[in-house]
């Protein structure tokens, strides 16, 4: 006698096999989607880090080494850096200005740039991201104790006169133009950056701060490290005690070593050291 239907055991077995196959396919699919999302996020992080590092590097490579009449060319700590960089002003500044034209935005080829991590004023533990401050109009010398000692009385008087003229220009017709493009620009470049570190190479070793005795002295290289994971203040300070070669590597950290133009003082120092060796 022929059997016309499946038994209950056969039906349950068939359903179980189908569910196992579907479960395996679904698990493989979800795992593939998760891996794809992780790879996409990693690629986006890499692209963002690359853009930010290249921007900082481009400005560092444009650092001027003739800052004896200006403020210190470069100074920095582990968590921040400040330097004078050079830029190409807008083409408008090279065209003659008609008397009927309104005031133009003051521009110059020197900019004072500062990089650090932006923090919430109400909660310093809350990091807002990678912050960039820029003084867009560096037209006149900044006389401080270091630079003033190197200037002649005539140069100091000339610098003060330039400052008075510059202040007068800001107080008169150029106020409206300057207000259209503020002299000081404060921007959070990316709110995803939660870690920032600078290391400075003086030709013999890596340092976690740069405070030159001469205002126009710059390091041979600067190492810039950015990351996407915030670390505690204690952990950050503990990292400073570890030599750069022995620091643990972070999966979400990206770094770039920027070689700089040597200042005359450092060139002479390295030449003398090489002759002694």
C-alpha atoms as a PDB file:
ATOM      1  CA  UNK A   1       0.000   0.000   0.000  1.00  0.00           C
ATOM      2  CA  UNK A   2       1.458   3.395  -1.069  1.00  0.00           C
ATOM      3  CA  UNK A   3       1.885   6.198   1.424  1.00  0.00           C
ATOM      4  CA  UNK A   4       0.202   9.450   0.226  1.00  0.00           C
ATOM      5  CA  UNK A   5       1.653  11.934   2.779  1.00  0.00           C
ATOM      6  CA  UNK A   6       4.642  12.627   5.030  1.00  0.00           C
ATOM      7  CA  UNK A   7       4.680  11.555   8.591  1.00  0.00           C
ATOM      8  CA  UNK A   8       4.848  14.120  11.370  1.00  0.00           C
ATOM      9  CA  UNK A   9       8.465  13.230  12.084  1.00  0.00           C
ATOM     10  CA  UNK A  10       9.418  13.789   8.446  1.00  0.00           C
ATOM     11  CA  UNK A  11       7.669  17.169   8.398  1.00  0.00           C
ATOM     12  CA  UNK A  12       9.395  18.265  11.601  1.00  0.00           C
ATOM     13  CA  UNK A  13      12.747  17.077  10.270  1.00  0.00           C
ATOM     14  CA  UNK A  14      12.265  18.944   6.983  1.00  0.00           C
ATOM     15  CA  UNK A  15      11.199  22.136   8.769  1.00  0.00           C
ATOM     16  CA  UNK A  16      14.191  21.869  11.113  1.00  0.00           C
ATOM     17  CA  UNK A  17      16.596  21.509   8.190  1.00  0.00           C
ATOM     18  CA  UNK A  18      15.046  24.499   6.404  1.00  0.00           C
ATOM     19  CA  UNK A  19      15.261  26.626   9.565  1.00  0.00           C
ATOM     20  CA  UNK A  20      18.897  25.655  10.070  1.00  0.00           C
ATOM     21  CA  UNK A  21      19.728  26.622   6.490  1.00  0.00           C
ATOM     22  CA  UNK A  22      17.840  29.921   6.779  1.00  0.00           C
ATOM     23  CA  UNK A  23      19.509  30.651  10.124  1.00  0.00           C
ATOM     24  CA  UNK A  24      22.941  29.991   8.654  1.00  0.00           C
ATOM     25  CA  UNK A  25      22.226  32.225   5.661  1.00  0.00           C
ATOM     26  CA  UNK A  26      20.872  34.994   7.916  1.00  0.00           C
ATOM     27  CA  UNK A  27      23.866  34.777  10.261  1.00  0.00           C
ATOM     28  CA  UNK A  28      26.241  34.963   7.304  1.00  0.00           C
ATOM     29  CA  UNK A  29      24.310  37.934   5.912  1.00  0.00           C
ATOM     30  CA  UNK A  30      24.278  39.879   9.197  1.00  0.00           C
ATOM     31  CA  UNK A  31      27.977  39.160   9.726  1.00  0.00           C
ATOM     32  CA  UNK A  32      28.757  40.366   6.206  1.00  0.00           C
ATOM     33  CA  UNK A  33      26.736  43.549   6.770  1.00  0.00           C
ATOM     34  CA  UNK A  34      28.492  44.173  10.087  1.00  0.00           C
ATOM     35  CA  UNK A  35      31.940  43.649   8.573  1.00  0.00           C
ATOM     36  CA  UNK A  36      31.020  45.934   5.662  1.00  0.00           C
ATOM     37  CA  UNK A  37      29.830  48.663   8.035  1.00  0.00           C
ATOM     38  CA  UNK A  38      32.982  48.355  10.146  1.00  0.00           C
ATOM     39  CA  UNK A  39      35.181  48.531   7.051  1.00  0.00           C
ATOM     40  CA  UNK A  40      33.238  51.549   5.777  1.00  0.00           C
ATOM     41  CA  UNK A  41      33.560  53.321   9.136  1.00  0.00           C
ATOM     42  CA  UNK A  42      37.281  52.518   9.247  1.00  0.00           C
ATOM     43  CA  UNK A  43      37.722  53.871   5.729  1.00  0.00           C
ATOM     44  CA  UNK A  44      35.854  57.070   6.642  1.00  0.00           C
ATOM     45  CA  UNK A  45      38.037  57.479   9.731  1.00  0.00           C
ATOM     46  CA  UNK A  46      41.158  56.966   7.641  1.00  0.00           C
ATOM     47  CA  UNK A  47      40.038  59.506   5.058  1.00  0.00           C
ATOM     48  CA  UNK A  48      39.138  62.065   7.720  1.00  0.00           C
ATOM     49  CA  UNK A  49      42.444  61.548   9.538  1.00  0.00           C
ATOM     50  CA  UNK A  50      44.340  61.811   6.261  1.00  0.00           C
ATOM     51  CA  UNK A  51      42.678  65.123   5.351  1.00  0.00           C
ATOM     52  CA  UNK A  52      43.283  66.631   8.794  1.00  0.00           C
ATOM     53  CA  UNK A  53      46.892  65.442   9.033  1.00  0.00           C
ATOM     54  CA  UNK A  54      47.695  66.712   5.550  1.00  0.00           C
ATOM     55  CA  UNK A  55      46.144  70.095   6.380  1.00  0.00           C
ATOM     56  CA  UNK A  56      48.242  70.443   9.530  1.00  0.00           C
ATOM     57  CA  UNK A  57      51.335  69.212   7.688  1.00  0.00           C
ATOM     58  CA  UNK A  58      50.874  71.708   4.857  1.00  0.00           C
ATOM     59  CA  UNK A  59      50.716  74.593   7.321  1.00  0.00           C
ATOM     60  CA  UNK A  60      53.697  73.295   9.281  1.00  0.00           C
ATOM     61  CA  UNK A  61      55.791  73.017   6.128  1.00  0.00           C
ATOM     62  CA  UNK A  62      54.960  76.648   5.360  1.00  0.00           C
ATOM     63  CA  UNK A  63      56.345  77.859   8.686  1.00  0.00           C
ATOM     64  CA  UNK A  64      58.547  80.898   8.259  1.00  0.00           C
ATOM     65  CA  UNK A  65      62.022  80.856   9.797  1.00  0.00           C
ATOM     66  CA  UNK A  66      62.502  84.625   9.834  1.00  0.00           C
ATOM     67  CA  UNK A  67      60.503  85.647  12.856  1.00  0.00           C
ATOM     68  CA  UNK A  68      62.966  87.775  14.783  1.00  0.00           C
ATOM     69  CA  UNK A  69      60.671  90.805  14.439  1.00  0.00           C
ATOM     70  CA  UNK A  70      57.557  88.793  15.147  1.00  0.00           C
ATOM     71  CA  UNK A  71      56.501  86.627  18.021  1.00  0.00           C
ATOM     72  CA  UNK A  72      58.089  83.191  18.482  1.00  0.00           C
ATOM     73  CA  UNK A  73      57.847  81.270  15.216  1.00  0.00           C
ATOM     74  CA  UNK A  74      56.800  78.031  16.883  1.00  0.00           C
ATOM     75  CA  UNK A  75      56.034  76.866  20.392  1.00  0.00           C
ATOM     76  CA  UNK A  76      54.039  73.937  21.604  1.00  0.00           C
ATOM     77  CA  UNK A  77      53.117  71.420  24.241  1.00  0.00           C
ATOM     78  CA  UNK A  78      52.121  67.791  23.887  1.00  0.00           C
ATOM     79  CA  UNK A  79      48.439  68.689  23.501  1.00  0.00           C
ATOM     80  CA  UNK A  80      48.725  71.931  21.479  1.00  0.00           C
ATOM     81  CA  UNK A  81      50.935  73.829  19.058  1.00  0.00           C
ATOM     82  CA  UNK A  82      51.187  77.447  17.877  1.00  0.00           C
ATOM     83  CA  UNK A  83      53.192  78.673  14.907  1.00  0.00           C
ATOM     84  CA  UNK A  84      53.421  81.350  12.228  1.00  0.00           C
ATOM     85  CA  UNK A  85      52.676  80.010   8.766  1.00  0.00           C
ATOM     86  CA  UNK A  86      52.680  81.645   5.356  1.00  0.00           C
ATOM     87  CA  UNK A  87      49.744  81.820   2.955  1.00  0.00           C
ATOM     88  CA  UNK A  88      49.019  83.423  -0.397  1.00  0.00           C
ATOM     89  CA  UNK A  89      46.641  86.383   0.081  1.00  0.00           C
ATOM     90  CA  UNK A  90      43.607  86.874  -2.090  1.00  0.00           C
ATOM     91  CA  UNK A  91      44.260  88.236  -5.571  1.00  0.00           C
ATOM     92  CA  UNK A  92      42.171  91.282  -4.700  1.00  0.00           C
ATOM     93  CA  UNK A  93      44.954  92.726  -2.557  1.00  0.00           C
ATOM     94  CA  UNK A  94      47.170  93.033  -5.638  1.00  0.00           C
ATOM     95  CA  UNK A  95      44.690  95.145  -7.590  1.00  0.00           C
ATOM     96  CA  UNK A  96      44.637  98.935  -7.120  1.00  0.00           C
ATOM     97  CA  UNK A  97      41.717 100.101  -5.035  1.00  0.00           C
ATOM     98  CA  UNK A  98      39.450 102.797  -6.389  1.00  0.00           C
ATOM     99  CA  UNK A  99      38.357 105.591  -4.102  1.00  0.00           C
ATOM    100  CA  UNK A 100      34.747 104.524  -4.562  1.00  0.00           C
ATOM    101  CA  UNK A 101      35.448 100.968  -3.413  1.00  0.00           C
ATOM    102  CA  UNK A 102      34.439  99.948   0.065  1.00  0.00           C
ATOM    103  CA  UNK A 103      36.926  98.818   2.643  1.00  0.00           C
ATOM    104  CA  UNK A 104      38.584  95.521   1.844  1.00  0.00           C
ATOM    105  CA  UNK A 105      39.251  92.731   4.242  1.00  0.00           C
ATOM    106  CA  UNK A 106      42.744  93.116   5.622  1.00  0.00           C
ATOM    107  CA  UNK A 107      44.951  90.260   4.482  1.00  0.00           C
ATOM    108  CA  UNK A 108      48.580  89.332   4.894  1.00  0.00           C
ATOM    109  CA  UNK A 109      50.855  86.457   3.972  1.00  0.00           C
ATOM    110  CA  UNK A 110      51.543  85.572   7.615  1.00  0.00           C
ATOM    111  CA  UNK A 111      49.027  83.825   9.868  1.00  0.00           C
ATOM    112  CA  UNK A 112      49.340  82.821  13.507  1.00  0.00           C
ATOM    113  CA  UNK A 113      47.798  79.343  13.822  1.00  0.00           C
ATOM    114  CA  UNK A 114      46.986  77.384  16.975  1.00  0.00           C
ATOM    115  CA  UNK A 115      45.856  73.736  17.107  1.00  0.00           C
ATOM    116  CA  UNK A 116      44.382  72.080  20.190  1.00  0.00           C
ATOM    117  CA  UNK A 117      41.426  70.047  21.392  1.00  0.00           C
ATOM    118  CA  UNK A 118      38.346  72.182  21.923  1.00  0.00           C
ATOM    119  CA  UNK A 119      36.707  71.684  25.299  1.00  0.00           C
ATOM    120  CA  UNK A 120      33.341  72.618  26.709  1.00  0.00           C
ATOM    121  CA  UNK A 121      33.615  75.667  28.955  1.00  0.00           C
ATOM    122  CA  UNK A 122      31.161  74.164  31.436  1.00  0.00           C
ATOM    123  CA  UNK A 123      32.678  70.672  31.363  1.00  0.00           C
ATOM    124  CA  UNK A 124      36.363  70.376  30.460  1.00  0.00           C
ATOM    125  CA  UNK A 125      36.054  66.599  30.273  1.00  0.00           C
ATOM    126  CA  UNK A 126      33.764  67.059  27.274  1.00  0.00           C
ATOM    127  CA  UNK A 127      35.983  67.305  24.189  1.00  0.00           C
ATOM    128  CA  UNK A 128      34.334  69.159  21.313  1.00  0.00           C
ATOM    129  CA  UNK A 129      36.847  68.070  18.670  1.00  0.00           C
ATOM    130  CA  UNK A 130      39.952  69.299  16.864  1.00  0.00           C
ATOM    131  CA  UNK A 131      40.077  73.077  17.208  1.00  0.00           C
ATOM    132  CA  UNK A 132      41.959  75.491  14.965  1.00  0.00           C
ATOM    133  CA  UNK A 133      42.470  79.142  15.911  1.00  0.00           C
ATOM    134  CA  UNK A 134      43.902  81.585  13.405  1.00  0.00           C
ATOM    135  CA  UNK A 135      44.962  85.210  13.632  1.00  0.00           C
ATOM    136  CA  UNK A 136      44.364  86.231  10.031  1.00  0.00           C
ATOM    137  CA  UNK A 137      45.989  89.644  10.113  1.00  0.00           C
ATOM    138  CA  UNK A 138      49.572  89.592  11.339  1.00  0.00           C
ATOM    139  CA  UNK A 139      50.714  92.852   9.822  1.00  0.00           C
ATOM    140  CA  UNK A 140      53.067  94.282  12.401  1.00  0.00           C
ATOM    141  CA  UNK A 141      55.774  92.958  14.681  1.00  0.00           C
ATOM    142  CA  UNK A 142      54.762  91.776  18.115  1.00  0.00           C
ATOM    143  CA  UNK A 143      57.346  93.116  20.534  1.00  0.00           C
ATOM    144  CA  UNK A 144      57.932  90.771  23.441  1.00  0.00           C
ATOM    145  CA  UNK A 145      60.829  90.337  25.856  1.00  0.00           C
ATOM    146  CA  UNK A 146      62.637  87.914  23.564  1.00  0.00           C
ATOM    147  CA  UNK A 147      62.343  89.844  20.321  1.00  0.00           C
ATOM    148  CA  UNK A 148      62.771  93.312  21.856  1.00  0.00           C
ATOM    149  CA  UNK A 149      66.184  92.384  23.214  1.00  0.00           C
ATOM    150  CA  UNK A 150      67.371  91.627  19.675  1.00  0.00           C
ATOM    151  CA  UNK A 151      66.084  94.825  18.041  1.00  0.00           C
ATOM    152  CA  UNK A 152      67.925  98.088  17.788  1.00  0.00           C
ATOM    153  CA  UNK A 153      66.242 101.182  19.273  1.00  0.00           C
ATOM    154  CA  UNK A 154      65.468 102.386  15.737  1.00  0.00           C
ATOM    155  CA  UNK A 155      63.803  99.063  14.857  1.00  0.00           C
ATOM    156  CA  UNK A 156      61.759  99.088  18.061  1.00  0.00           C
ATOM    157  CA  UNK A 157      60.544 102.615  17.372  1.00  0.00           C
ATOM    158  CA  UNK A 158      59.719 101.641  13.788  1.00  0.00           C
ATOM    159  CA  UNK A 159      57.755  98.617  15.022  1.00  0.00           C
ATOM    160  CA  UNK A 160      55.803 100.739  17.490  1.00  0.00           C
ATOM    161  CA  UNK A 161      55.001 103.240  14.751  1.00  0.00           C
ATOM    162  CA  UNK A 162      53.768 100.411  12.526  1.00  0.00           C
ATOM    163  CA  UNK A 163      51.564  99.189  15.356  1.00  0.00           C
ATOM    164  CA  UNK A 164      50.095 102.657  15.854  1.00  0.00           C
ATOM    165  CA  UNK A 165      49.329 102.933  12.133  1.00  0.00           C
ATOM    166  CA  UNK A 166      47.796  99.474  12.142  1.00  0.00           C
ATOM    167  CA  UNK A 167      45.598 100.289  15.136  1.00  0.00           C
ATOM    168  CA  UNK A 168      44.500 103.524  13.472  1.00  0.00           C
ATOM    169  CA  UNK A 169      43.535 101.635  10.307  1.00  0.00           C
ATOM    170  CA  UNK A 170      41.426  99.230  12.361  1.00  0.00           C
ATOM    171  CA  UNK A 171      39.706 102.069  14.184  1.00  0.00           C
ATOM    172  CA  UNK A 172      38.747 103.868  10.975  1.00  0.00           C
ATOM    173  CA  UNK A 173      37.358 102.801   7.604  1.00  0.00           C
ATOM    174  CA  UNK A 174      38.458  99.178   7.759  1.00  0.00           C
ATOM    175  CA  UNK A 175      36.242  98.260  10.715  1.00  0.00           C
ATOM    176  CA  UNK A 176      33.334  97.340   8.486  1.00  0.00           C
ATOM    177  CA  UNK A 177      35.507  95.278   6.155  1.00  0.00           C
ATOM    178  CA  UNK A 178      37.204  93.464   9.008  1.00  0.00           C
ATOM    179  CA  UNK A 179      33.853  92.622  10.580  1.00  0.00           C
ATOM    180  CA  UNK A 180      32.912  90.735   7.416  1.00  0.00           C
ATOM    181  CA  UNK A 181      35.876  88.396   7.950  1.00  0.00           C
ATOM    182  CA  UNK A 182      36.955  88.331  11.600  1.00  0.00           C
ATOM    183  CA  UNK A 183      40.647  88.730  12.331  1.00  0.00           C
ATOM    184  CA  UNK A 184      40.489  85.746  14.676  1.00  0.00           C
ATOM    185  CA  UNK A 185      38.978  82.550  13.320  1.00  0.00           C
ATOM    186  CA  UNK A 186      38.018  79.759  15.737  1.00  0.00           C
ATOM    187  CA  UNK A 187      36.800  76.572  14.089  1.00  0.00           C
ATOM    188  CA  UNK A 188      36.164  72.992  15.186  1.00  0.00           C
ATOM    189  CA  UNK A 189      37.555  71.108  12.192  1.00  0.00           C
ATOM    190  CA  UNK A 190      36.055  67.780  13.266  1.00  0.00           C
ATOM    191  CA  UNK A 191      33.988  66.860  16.304  1.00  0.00           C
ATOM    192  CA  UNK A 192      35.078  63.229  15.957  1.00  0.00           C
ATOM    193  CA  UNK A 193      38.688  63.838  16.933  1.00  0.00           C
ATOM    194  CA  UNK A 194      39.102  63.141  20.652  1.00  0.00           C
ATOM    195  CA  UNK A 195      42.869  62.665  20.878  1.00  0.00           C
ATOM    196  CA  UNK A 196      45.677  64.997  19.820  1.00  0.00           C
ATOM    197  CA  UNK A 197      49.389  64.847  20.455  1.00  0.00           C
ATOM    198  CA  UNK A 198      52.503  66.619  19.184  1.00  0.00           C
ATOM    199  CA  UNK A 199      56.123  65.482  19.485  1.00  0.00           C
ATOM    200  CA  UNK A 200      59.112  67.607  18.503  1.00  0.00           C
ATOM    201  CA  UNK A 201      62.446  66.348  17.162  1.00  0.00           C
ATOM    202  CA  UNK A 202      65.409  68.605  17.922  1.00  0.00           C
ATOM    203  CA  UNK A 203      67.940  66.586  15.927  1.00  0.00           C
ATOM    204  CA  UNK A 204      68.939  64.236  18.715  1.00  0.00           C
ATOM    205  CA  UNK A 205      65.769  63.196  20.519  1.00  0.00           C
ATOM    206  CA  UNK A 206      61.991  63.530  20.554  1.00  0.00           C
ATOM    207  CA  UNK A 207      60.536  66.049  23.020  1.00  0.00           C
ATOM    208  CA  UNK A 208      56.975  66.504  24.279  1.00  0.00           C
ATOM    209  CA  UNK A 209      57.223  70.302  24.280  1.00  0.00           C
ATOM    210  CA  UNK A 210      58.950  72.970  22.210  1.00  0.00           C
ATOM    211  CA  UNK A 211      59.961  76.196  23.920  1.00  0.00           C
ATOM    212  CA  UNK A 212      62.938  77.583  21.994  1.00  0.00           C
ATOM    213  CA  UNK A 213      65.411  80.013  23.485  1.00  0.00           C
ATOM    214  CA  UNK A 214      65.523  81.844  20.149  1.00  0.00           C
ATOM    215  CA  UNK A 215      62.221  83.088  18.661  1.00  0.00           C
ATOM    216  CA  UNK A 216      63.056  81.904  15.120  1.00  0.00           C
ATOM    217  CA  UNK A 217      64.194  78.391  16.069  1.00  0.00           C
ATOM    218  CA  UNK A 218      62.047  75.495  14.909  1.00  0.00           C
ATOM    219  CA  UNK A 219      62.415  71.726  15.376  1.00  0.00           C
ATOM    220  CA  UNK A 220      63.713  69.481  12.628  1.00  0.00           C
ATOM    221  CA  UNK A 221      60.442  67.560  12.584  1.00  0.00           C
ATOM    222  CA  UNK A 222      57.037  67.475  14.247  1.00  0.00           C
ATOM    223  CA  UNK A 223      55.052  64.294  14.764  1.00  0.00           C
ATOM    224  CA  UNK A 224      51.280  64.795  14.762  1.00  0.00           C
ATOM    225  CA  UNK A 225      49.014  62.105  16.212  1.00  0.00           C
ATOM    226  CA  UNK A 226      45.221  62.220  16.168  1.00  0.00           C
ATOM    227  CA  UNK A 227      42.697  59.676  17.399  1.00  0.00           C
ATOM    228  CA  UNK A 228      38.992  59.028  17.715  1.00  0.00           C
ATOM    229  CA  UNK A 229      38.930  57.701  21.289  1.00  0.00           C
ATOM    230  CA  UNK A 230      39.211  59.989  24.295  1.00  0.00           C
ATOM    231  CA  UNK A 231      41.683  59.087  27.031  1.00  0.00           C
ATOM    232  CA  UNK A 232      41.707  60.262  30.614  1.00  0.00           C
ATOM    233  CA  UNK A 233      44.015  63.042  31.747  1.00  0.00           C
ATOM    234  CA  UNK A 234      45.948  60.577  33.898  1.00  0.00           C
ATOM    235  CA  UNK A 235      46.465  58.176  31.011  1.00  0.00           C
ATOM    236  CA  UNK A 236      47.510  61.030  28.727  1.00  0.00           C
ATOM    237  CA  UNK A 237      50.142  62.223  31.203  1.00  0.00           C
ATOM    238  CA  UNK A 238      51.335  58.667  31.718  1.00  0.00           C
ATOM    239  CA  UNK A 239      51.958  58.362  27.976  1.00  0.00           C
ATOM    240  CA  UNK A 240      54.260  61.390  28.133  1.00  0.00           C
ATOM    241  CA  UNK A 241      56.614  59.486  30.429  1.00  0.00           C
ATOM    242  CA  UNK A 242      57.007  56.671  27.911  1.00  0.00           C
ATOM    243  CA  UNK A 243      59.587  57.155  25.107  1.00  0.00           C
ATOM    244  CA  UNK A 244      57.950  57.629  21.743  1.00  0.00           C
ATOM    245  CA  UNK A 245      59.446  54.403  20.368  1.00  0.00           C
ATOM    246  CA  UNK A 246      57.901  52.364  23.201  1.00  0.00           C
ATOM    247  CA  UNK A 247      54.399  53.820  23.239  1.00  0.00           C
ATOM    248  CA  UNK A 248      51.561  51.362  22.636  1.00  0.00           C
ATOM    249  CA  UNK A 249      49.873  51.667  19.279  1.00  0.00           C
ATOM    250  CA  UNK A 250      46.180  52.560  19.151  1.00  0.00           C
ATOM    251  CA  UNK A 251      43.981  51.031  16.482  1.00  0.00           C
ATOM    252  CA  UNK A 252      42.086  54.281  15.977  1.00  0.00           C
ATOM    253  CA  UNK A 253      45.105  56.597  16.006  1.00  0.00           C
ATOM    254  CA  UNK A 254      46.802  58.072  12.973  1.00  0.00           C
ATOM    255  CA  UNK A 255      50.124  59.861  12.881  1.00  0.00           C
ATOM    256  CA  UNK A 256      52.327  61.770  10.474  1.00  0.00           C
ATOM    257  CA  UNK A 257      55.900  63.007  10.832  1.00  0.00           C
ATOM    258  CA  UNK A 258      56.417  66.395   9.187  1.00  0.00           C
ATOM    259  CA  UNK A 259      59.943  67.431   8.256  1.00  0.00           C
ATOM    260  CA  UNK A 260      60.555  71.174   8.596  1.00  0.00           C
ATOM    261  CA  UNK A 261      62.992  73.651   7.094  1.00  0.00           C
ATOM    262  CA  UNK A 262      65.927  74.087   9.429  1.00  0.00           C
ATOM    263  CA  UNK A 263      66.576  77.441  10.982  1.00  0.00           C
ATOM    264  CA  UNK A 264      70.058  78.941  10.668  1.00  0.00           C
ATOM    265  CA  UNK A 265      70.837  78.282  14.325  1.00  0.00           C
ATOM    266  CA  UNK A 266      69.986  74.598  14.062  1.00  0.00           C
ATOM    267  CA  UNK A 267      71.878  74.234  10.785  1.00  0.00           C
ATOM    268  CA  UNK A 268      75.018  75.628  12.395  1.00  0.00           C
ATOM    269  CA  UNK A 269      74.515  73.432  15.454  1.00  0.00           C
ATOM    270  CA  UNK A 270      74.119  70.229  13.419  1.00  0.00           C
ATOM    271  CA  UNK A 271      77.090  71.120  11.195  1.00  0.00           C
ATOM    272  CA  UNK A 272      79.261  71.621  14.266  1.00  0.00           C
ATOM    273  CA  UNK A 273      78.131  68.309  15.754  1.00  0.00           C
ATOM    274  CA  UNK A 274      78.908  66.463  12.521  1.00  0.00           C
ATOM    275  CA  UNK A 275      82.403  67.963  12.389  1.00  0.00           C
ATOM    276  CA  UNK A 276      83.059  66.905  15.972  1.00  0.00           C
ATOM    277  CA  UNK A 277      81.973  63.348  15.182  1.00  0.00           C
END
